Amino acid sequence: MEEKVKEILSKIRPQLQADGGDIEFVSMQDSEVKVRLKGACHGCPGAQMTLKMGVERALKQHVDESITVVSV
């Protein structure tokens, strides 16, 4: 499942990079995916919305419904 998560993150990455940000996979334990937001995404007021409505939603849709995303 971790490889599938990384694959989906690599598909999301260009959208974040277009806005001056980036996302880095940190780890996965059970269904919790830890990521690090970088660049313009780090500290952005909309970062939590990006994580929940963008990243987490894509992972739930394409990998597993039980996944949660946490920024570290």
C-alpha atoms as a PDB file:
ATOM      1  CA  MET A   1       0.000   0.000   0.000  1.00  0.00           C
ATOM      2  CA  GLU A   2       2.912   2.365   0.711  1.00  0.00           C
ATOM      3  CA  GLU A   3       4.058   2.197  -2.924  1.00  0.00           C
ATOM      4  CA  LYS A   4       0.555   3.088  -4.123  1.00  0.00           C
ATOM      5  CA  VAL A   5       0.509   6.073  -1.711  1.00  0.00           C
ATOM      6  CA  LYS A   6       3.847   7.278  -3.105  1.00  0.00           C
ATOM      7  CA  GLU A   7       2.533   6.876  -6.652  1.00  0.00           C
ATOM      8  CA  ILE A   8      -0.537   9.023  -5.930  1.00  0.00           C
ATOM      9  CA  LEU A   9       1.607  11.655  -4.163  1.00  0.00           C
ATOM     10  CA  SER A  10       3.834  11.849  -7.244  1.00  0.00           C
ATOM     11  CA  LYS A  11       0.729  12.598  -9.327  1.00  0.00           C
ATOM     12  CA  ILE A  12      -0.366  15.351  -6.916  1.00  0.00           C
ATOM     13  CA  ARG A  13       3.114  16.896  -6.634  1.00  0.00           C
ATOM     14  CA  PRO A  14       3.033  18.886  -9.935  1.00  0.00           C
ATOM     15  CA  GLN A  15      -0.110  20.735  -8.832  1.00  0.00           C
ATOM     16  CA  LEU A  16       1.578  21.789  -5.592  1.00  0.00           C
ATOM     17  CA  GLN A  17       4.799  22.708  -7.384  1.00  0.00           C
ATOM     18  CA  ALA A  18       2.841  24.923  -9.780  1.00  0.00           C
ATOM     19  CA  ASP A  19       1.862  27.007  -6.726  1.00  0.00           C
ATOM     20  CA  GLY A  20       5.438  27.124  -5.386  1.00  0.00           C
ATOM     21  CA  GLY A  21       5.045  24.264  -2.908  1.00  0.00           C
ATOM     22  CA  ASP A  22       5.828  20.584  -2.664  1.00  0.00           C
ATOM     23  CA  ILE A  23       4.970  17.478  -0.659  1.00  0.00           C
ATOM     24  CA  GLU A  24       7.312  14.841   0.725  1.00  0.00           C
ATOM     25  CA  PHE A  25       6.312  11.368   1.911  1.00  0.00           C
ATOM     26  CA  VAL A  26       7.695  10.800   5.428  1.00  0.00           C
ATOM     27  CA  SER A  27       6.197   7.531   6.627  1.00  0.00           C
ATOM     28  CA  MET A  28       3.142   5.344   6.805  1.00  0.00           C
ATOM     29  CA  GLN A  29       1.930   3.393   9.813  1.00  0.00           C
ATOM     30  CA  ASP A  30      -1.305   1.418   9.542  1.00  0.00           C
ATOM     31  CA  SER A  31      -3.575   3.809   7.638  1.00  0.00           C
ATOM     32  CA  GLU A  32      -1.897   7.057   8.761  1.00  0.00           C
ATOM     33  CA  VAL A  33       0.243   8.733   6.114  1.00  0.00           C
ATOM     34  CA  LYS A  34       2.735  11.333   7.336  1.00  0.00           C
ATOM     35  CA  VAL A  35       3.837  13.970   4.849  1.00  0.00           C
ATOM     36  CA  ARG A  36       5.891  17.150   4.968  1.00  0.00           C
ATOM     37  CA  LEU A  37       4.711  20.217   3.100  1.00  0.00           C
ATOM     38  CA  LYS A  38       7.525  22.313   1.671  1.00  0.00           C
ATOM     39  CA  GLY A  39       8.029  25.601  -0.109  1.00  0.00           C
ATOM     40  CA  ALA A  40       5.003  27.882  -0.320  1.00  0.00           C
ATOM     41  CA  CYS A  41       2.824  25.136   1.208  1.00  0.00           C
ATOM     42  CA  HIS A  42       4.786  25.156   4.468  1.00  0.00           C
ATOM     43  CA  GLY A  43       2.952  27.475   6.834  1.00  0.00           C
ATOM     44  CA  CYS A  44       0.315  28.409   4.261  1.00  0.00           C
ATOM     45  CA  PRO A  45      -3.099  29.156   5.805  1.00  0.00           C
ATOM     46  CA  GLY A  46      -4.708  26.821   3.244  1.00  0.00           C
ATOM     47  CA  ALA A  47      -2.316  23.942   3.903  1.00  0.00           C
ATOM     48  CA  GLN A  48      -4.752  21.949   6.054  1.00  0.00           C
ATOM     49  CA  MET A  49      -7.440  22.298   3.406  1.00  0.00           C
ATOM     50  CA  THR A  50      -4.952  21.120   0.774  1.00  0.00           C
ATOM     51  CA  LEU A  51      -4.094  18.100   2.915  1.00  0.00           C
ATOM     52  CA  LYS A  52      -7.664  17.095   3.713  1.00  0.00           C
ATOM     53  CA  MET A  53      -9.565  18.096   0.570  1.00  0.00           C
ATOM     54  CA  GLY A  54      -6.796  17.352  -1.912  1.00  0.00           C
ATOM     55  CA  VAL A  55      -4.194  14.867  -0.744  1.00  0.00           C
ATOM     56  CA  GLU A  56      -6.268  12.824   1.711  1.00  0.00           C
ATOM     57  CA  ARG A  57      -9.249  12.722  -0.642  1.00  0.00           C
ATOM     58  CA  ALA A  58      -7.103  11.427  -3.519  1.00  0.00           C
ATOM     59  CA  LEU A  59      -5.513   8.765  -1.315  1.00  0.00           C
ATOM     60  CA  LYS A  60      -8.906   7.646   0.007  1.00  0.00           C
ATOM     61  CA  GLN A  61     -10.242   7.429  -3.534  1.00  0.00           C
ATOM     62  CA  HIS A  62      -7.279   5.636  -5.133  1.00  0.00           C
ATOM     63  CA  VAL A  63      -5.690   3.642  -2.304  1.00  0.00           C
ATOM     64  CA  ASP A  64      -7.876   2.976   0.764  1.00  0.00           C
ATOM     65  CA  GLU A  65     -10.903   4.687   2.297  1.00  0.00           C
ATOM     66  CA  SER A  66      -9.419   4.427   5.820  1.00  0.00           C
ATOM     67  CA  ILE A  67      -6.319   6.576   5.085  1.00  0.00           C
ATOM     68  CA  THR A  68      -5.711   9.761   7.056  1.00  0.00           C
ATOM     69  CA  VAL A  69      -3.024  12.311   6.209  1.00  0.00           C
ATOM     70  CA  VAL A  70      -0.988  14.129   8.851  1.00  0.00           C
ATOM     71  CA  SER A  71       1.519  16.916   8.274  1.00  0.00           C
ATOM     72  CA  VAL A  72       4.747  16.635  10.251  1.00  0.00           C
END
